[in-house]
Amino acid sequence: MIEKISRVQKIASTQNITAIPINTSLPISLKVSEKIGFNRYILKFANKNLNTKSAKML
């Protein structure tokens, strides 16, 4: 389990990657930083900002 979490952190800390693949079965914490439009949000994950959309209000 810890190996998987460290792999996710390693992926998140990589500077060149614009898309971060995340295994949704791992317990991780995301912070919703800002709502930028209809169904569009900025999430904070491991010192990175991710733009995403969600059908549900976050």
N, C-alpha and C. Protein backbone atom coordinates (compact mmCIF):
# COMPACT_ATOMS: atom_id res chain seq x y z
N MET A 1 0.83 -1.20 0.00
CA MET A 1 0.00 0.00 0.00
C MET A 1 0.87 1.25 0.00
N ILE A 2 1.91 1.27 0.83
CA ILE A 2 2.79 2.44 0.90
C ILE A 2 3.55 2.61 -0.40
N GLU A 3 3.92 1.51 -1.04
CA GLU A 3 4.59 1.60 -2.34
C GLU A 3 3.71 2.29 -3.37
N LYS A 4 2.43 1.98 -3.35
CA LYS A 4 1.50 2.59 -4.31
C LYS A 4 1.36 4.08 -4.05
N ILE A 5 1.27 4.46 -2.78
CA ILE A 5 1.15 5.88 -2.44
C ILE A 5 2.41 6.63 -2.86
N SER A 6 3.59 6.04 -2.63
CA SER A 6 4.81 6.73 -3.04
C SER A 6 4.92 6.82 -4.56
N ARG A 7 4.36 5.86 -5.28
CA ARG A 7 4.35 5.96 -6.74
C ARG A 7 3.46 7.12 -7.19
N VAL A 8 2.31 7.30 -6.55
CA VAL A 8 1.42 8.42 -6.88
C VAL A 8 2.11 9.74 -6.58
N GLN A 9 2.80 9.83 -5.44
CA GLN A 9 3.51 11.06 -5.09
C GLN A 9 4.64 11.34 -6.08
N LYS A 10 5.31 10.29 -6.54
CA LYS A 10 6.39 10.46 -7.51
C LYS A 10 5.83 10.99 -8.83
N ILE A 11 4.70 10.44 -9.25
CA ILE A 11 4.07 10.91 -10.48
C ILE A 11 3.64 12.37 -10.32
N ALA A 12 3.06 12.70 -9.18
CA ALA A 12 2.57 14.06 -8.94
C ALA A 12 3.70 15.06 -8.87
N SER A 13 4.88 14.65 -8.42
CA SER A 13 5.98 15.59 -8.28
C SER A 13 6.75 15.79 -9.58
N THR A 14 6.47 15.00 -10.60
CA THR A 14 7.14 15.15 -11.89
C THR A 14 6.69 16.45 -12.54
N GLN A 15 7.62 17.26 -12.97
CA GLN A 15 7.31 18.58 -13.52
C GLN A 15 6.84 18.55 -14.96
N ASN A 16 7.23 17.56 -15.76
CA ASN A 16 6.95 17.54 -17.19
C ASN A 16 5.55 17.06 -17.54
N ILE A 17 4.90 16.38 -16.65
CA ILE A 17 3.63 15.73 -16.99
C ILE A 17 2.48 16.70 -16.74
N THR A 18 1.62 16.87 -17.76
CA THR A 18 0.47 17.74 -17.59
C THR A 18 -0.73 16.97 -17.05
N ALA A 19 -0.87 15.71 -17.42
CA ALA A 19 -1.94 14.88 -16.90
C ALA A 19 -1.35 13.92 -15.88
N ILE A 20 -2.00 13.80 -14.74
CA ILE A 20 -1.52 12.91 -13.69
C ILE A 20 -2.49 11.74 -13.56
N PRO A 21 -2.06 10.53 -13.94
CA PRO A 21 -2.94 9.38 -13.76
C PRO A 21 -3.03 9.02 -12.28
N ILE A 22 -4.23 8.83 -11.79
CA ILE A 22 -4.45 8.53 -10.38
C ILE A 22 -5.26 7.25 -10.27
N ASN A 23 -4.78 6.33 -9.45
CA ASN A 23 -5.51 5.11 -9.17
C ASN A 23 -6.61 5.47 -8.18
N THR A 24 -7.85 5.41 -8.59
CA THR A 24 -8.95 5.86 -7.76
C THR A 24 -9.24 4.96 -6.57
N SER A 25 -8.60 3.81 -6.49
CA SER A 25 -8.83 2.94 -5.33
C SER A 25 -7.94 3.33 -4.14
N LEU A 26 -6.97 4.23 -4.35
CA LEU A 26 -6.11 4.67 -3.25
C LEU A 26 -6.75 5.82 -2.48
N PRO A 27 -6.59 5.82 -1.16
CA PRO A 27 -7.12 6.95 -0.39
C PRO A 27 -6.16 8.15 -0.51
N ILE A 28 -6.60 9.18 -1.19
CA ILE A 28 -5.79 10.39 -1.33
C ILE A 28 -6.65 11.59 -0.97
N SER A 29 -6.02 12.70 -0.68
CA SER A 29 -6.81 13.88 -0.38
C SER A 29 -6.57 14.94 -1.43
N LEU A 30 -7.64 15.50 -1.91
CA LEU A 30 -7.64 16.59 -2.87
C LEU A 30 -8.36 17.77 -2.24
N LYS A 31 -7.90 18.96 -2.53
CA LYS A 31 -8.57 20.15 -2.03
C LYS A 31 -9.12 20.92 -3.23
N VAL A 32 -10.39 21.28 -3.17
CA VAL A 32 -10.99 22.09 -4.21
C VAL A 32 -10.59 23.54 -3.94
N SER A 33 -9.74 24.08 -4.79
CA SER A 33 -9.24 25.44 -4.60
C SER A 33 -10.23 26.49 -5.06
N GLU A 34 -10.85 26.23 -6.21
CA GLU A 34 -11.65 27.29 -6.82
C GLU A 34 -12.61 26.71 -7.84
N LYS A 35 -13.78 27.31 -7.95
CA LYS A 35 -14.71 26.98 -9.03
C LYS A 35 -14.48 28.02 -10.12
N ILE A 36 -14.15 27.57 -11.32
CA ILE A 36 -13.79 28.51 -12.38
C ILE A 36 -14.85 28.63 -13.47
N GLY A 37 -15.91 27.88 -13.36
CA GLY A 37 -16.97 27.94 -14.36
C GLY A 37 -17.97 26.84 -14.08
N PHE A 38 -18.94 26.72 -15.00
CA PHE A 38 -19.95 25.68 -14.84
C PHE A 38 -19.28 24.31 -14.91
N ASN A 39 -19.37 23.56 -13.83
CA ASN A 39 -18.79 22.21 -13.71
C ASN A 39 -17.27 22.18 -13.85
N ARG A 40 -16.57 23.30 -13.74
CA ARG A 40 -15.12 23.35 -13.87
C ARG A 40 -14.51 23.77 -12.53
N TYR A 41 -13.49 23.06 -12.09
CA TYR A 41 -12.87 23.30 -10.79
C TYR A 41 -11.35 23.23 -10.90
N ILE A 42 -10.67 23.89 -9.97
CA ILE A 42 -9.23 23.74 -9.80
C ILE A 42 -9.02 22.99 -8.51
N LEU A 43 -8.32 21.85 -8.59
CA LEU A 43 -8.04 21.02 -7.43
C LEU A 43 -6.57 21.14 -7.07
N LYS A 44 -6.26 21.06 -5.78
CA LYS A 44 -4.88 21.07 -5.33
C LYS A 44 -4.53 19.65 -4.90
N PHE A 45 -3.46 19.12 -5.51
CA PHE A 45 -3.02 17.77 -5.22
C PHE A 45 -1.51 17.73 -5.27
N ALA A 46 -0.88 17.45 -4.14
CA ALA A 46 0.58 17.31 -4.04
C ALA A 46 1.31 18.49 -4.67
N ASN A 47 0.98 19.70 -4.23
CA ASN A 47 1.60 20.94 -4.71
C ASN A 47 1.40 21.21 -6.19
N LYS A 48 0.38 20.62 -6.77
CA LYS A 48 0.04 20.87 -8.17
C LYS A 48 -1.41 21.31 -8.24
N ASN A 49 -1.72 22.13 -9.23
CA ASN A 49 -3.10 22.52 -9.49
C ASN A 49 -3.61 21.73 -10.68
N LEU A 50 -4.75 21.08 -10.50
CA LEU A 50 -5.35 20.29 -11.57
C LEU A 50 -6.66 20.93 -11.99
N ASN A 51 -6.84 21.15 -13.27
CA ASN A 51 -8.12 21.62 -13.79
C ASN A 51 -8.97 20.41 -14.12
N THR A 52 -10.21 20.44 -13.66
CA THR A 52 -11.08 19.29 -13.91
C THR A 52 -12.52 19.75 -14.07
N LYS A 53 -13.36 18.84 -14.51
CA LYS A 53 -14.78 19.12 -14.53
C LYS A 53 -15.49 18.00 -13.80
N SER A 54 -16.63 18.32 -13.23
CA SER A 54 -17.37 17.35 -12.45
C SER A 54 -18.86 17.57 -12.64
N ALA A 55 -19.59 16.49 -12.85
CA ALA A 55 -21.03 16.59 -12.95
C ALA A 55 -21.66 16.93 -11.61
N LYS A 56 -20.97 16.52 -10.52
CA LYS A 56 -21.44 16.82 -9.18
C LYS A 56 -20.76 18.09 -8.68
N MET A 57 -21.46 18.85 -7.86
CA MET A 57 -20.88 20.05 -7.27
C MET A 57 -19.82 19.65 -6.25
N LEU A 58 -18.63 20.21 -6.36
CA LEU A 58 -17.54 19.88 -5.45
C LEU A 58 -17.40 20.91 -4.34
